[in-house]
Amino acid sequence: MGELSIKITVAQRVYPLVVDETEEENIRKAAKLLDGII
């Protein structure tokens, strides 16, 4: 599988990440949950 370069926003800060294609959806969901809690 390939890797993707994505940007995740948590608490109004942007975090660039390199993730595997299979993990992208889960990472985005986790970031959305964290952002909602903070």
N, C-alpha and C. Protein backbone atom coordinates (compact mmCIF):
# COMPACT_ATOMS: atom_id res chain seq x y z
N MET A 1 0.84 -1.19 0.00
CA MET A 1 0.00 0.00 0.00
C MET A 1 0.88 1.25 0.00
N GLY A 2 0.30 2.34 -0.45
CA GLY A 2 1.03 3.59 -0.52
C GLY A 2 0.83 4.46 0.70
N GLU A 3 1.62 5.48 0.78
CA GLU A 3 1.50 6.42 1.88
C GLU A 3 0.91 7.72 1.36
N LEU A 4 0.16 8.39 2.22
CA LEU A 4 -0.45 9.66 1.89
C LEU A 4 0.05 10.73 2.83
N SER A 5 0.21 11.92 2.32
CA SER A 5 0.57 13.07 3.13
C SER A 5 -0.72 13.84 3.39
N ILE A 6 -1.12 13.92 4.66
CA ILE A 6 -2.37 14.60 5.01
C ILE A 6 -2.10 15.64 6.08
N LYS A 7 -3.04 16.55 6.24
CA LYS A 7 -2.96 17.56 7.30
C LYS A 7 -4.18 17.39 8.19
N ILE A 8 -3.93 17.28 9.49
CA ILE A 8 -4.98 17.09 10.48
C ILE A 8 -5.03 18.34 11.35
N THR A 9 -6.23 18.84 11.60
CA THR A 9 -6.39 20.02 12.46
C THR A 9 -7.00 19.59 13.79
N VAL A 10 -6.29 19.89 14.87
CA VAL A 10 -6.77 19.62 16.22
C VAL A 10 -6.50 20.86 17.05
N ALA A 11 -7.52 21.37 17.71
CA ALA A 11 -7.40 22.55 18.56
C ALA A 11 -6.80 23.73 17.78
N GLN A 12 -7.28 23.93 16.59
CA GLN A 12 -6.88 25.04 15.72
C GLN A 12 -5.39 25.01 15.36
N ARG A 13 -4.77 23.86 15.45
CA ARG A 13 -3.38 23.69 15.03
C ARG A 13 -3.35 22.62 13.95
N VAL A 14 -2.53 22.84 12.95
CA VAL A 14 -2.43 21.91 11.83
C VAL A 14 -1.22 21.00 12.01
N TYR A 15 -1.45 19.71 11.87
CA TYR A 15 -0.39 18.72 12.01
C TYR A 15 -0.24 17.94 10.71
N PRO A 16 0.87 18.11 10.01
CA PRO A 16 1.09 17.32 8.80
C PRO A 16 1.51 15.90 9.18
N LEU A 17 0.91 14.93 8.54
CA LEU A 17 1.23 13.53 8.82
C LEU A 17 1.43 12.76 7.52
N VAL A 18 2.21 11.71 7.60
CA VAL A 18 2.32 10.76 6.49
C VAL A 18 1.76 9.45 7.02
N VAL A 19 0.67 8.99 6.40
CA VAL A 19 -0.02 7.80 6.88
C VAL A 19 -0.21 6.81 5.74
N ASP A 20 -0.41 5.57 6.10
CA ASP A 20 -0.71 4.53 5.12
C ASP A 20 -2.14 4.75 4.62
N GLU A 21 -2.38 4.43 3.36
CA GLU A 21 -3.72 4.62 2.77
C GLU A 21 -4.80 3.93 3.58
N THR A 22 -4.48 2.77 4.15
CA THR A 22 -5.49 2.01 4.89
C THR A 22 -5.83 2.65 6.23
N GLU A 23 -4.97 3.53 6.74
CA GLU A 23 -5.20 4.16 8.04
C GLU A 23 -5.80 5.56 7.94
N GLU A 24 -5.86 6.11 6.74
CA GLU A 24 -6.27 7.51 6.58
C GLU A 24 -7.64 7.79 7.20
N GLU A 25 -8.63 6.98 6.89
CA GLU A 25 -9.98 7.22 7.39
C GLU A 25 -10.02 7.21 8.92
N ASN A 26 -9.35 6.23 9.53
CA ASN A 26 -9.34 6.14 11.00
C ASN A 26 -8.63 7.32 11.64
N ILE A 27 -7.55 7.78 11.04
CA ILE A 27 -6.81 8.93 11.57
C ILE A 27 -7.69 10.18 11.52
N ARG A 28 -8.38 10.37 10.40
CA ARG A 28 -9.26 11.54 10.26
C ARG A 28 -10.41 11.49 11.27
N LYS A 29 -10.97 10.31 11.49
CA LYS A 29 -12.05 10.16 12.48
C LYS A 29 -11.55 10.46 13.89
N ALA A 30 -10.36 9.96 14.21
CA ALA A 30 -9.78 10.21 15.53
C ALA A 30 -9.51 11.69 15.74
N ALA A 31 -9.00 12.36 14.72
CA ALA A 31 -8.72 13.79 14.82
C ALA A 31 -10.01 14.58 15.02
N LYS A 32 -11.07 14.16 14.33
CA LYS A 32 -12.36 14.85 14.48
C LYS A 32 -12.90 14.66 15.90
N LEU A 33 -12.77 13.47 16.45
CA LEU A 33 -13.20 13.21 17.82
C LEU A 33 -12.39 14.05 18.81
N LEU A 34 -11.09 14.08 18.65
CA LEU A 34 -10.23 14.88 19.53
C LEU A 34 -10.59 16.35 19.46
N ASP A 35 -10.81 16.85 18.27
CA ASP A 35 -11.13 18.26 18.10
C ASP A 35 -12.46 18.59 18.77
N GLY A 36 -13.40 17.65 18.76
CA GLY A 36 -14.69 17.86 19.41
C GLY A 36 -14.59 17.87 20.92
N ILE A 37 -13.66 17.11 21.46
CA ILE A 37 -13.48 17.01 22.91
C ILE A 37 -12.77 18.24 23.46
N ILE A 38 -11.83 18.76 22.71
CA ILE A 38 -11.00 19.88 23.19
C ILE A 38 -11.77 21.16 23.20
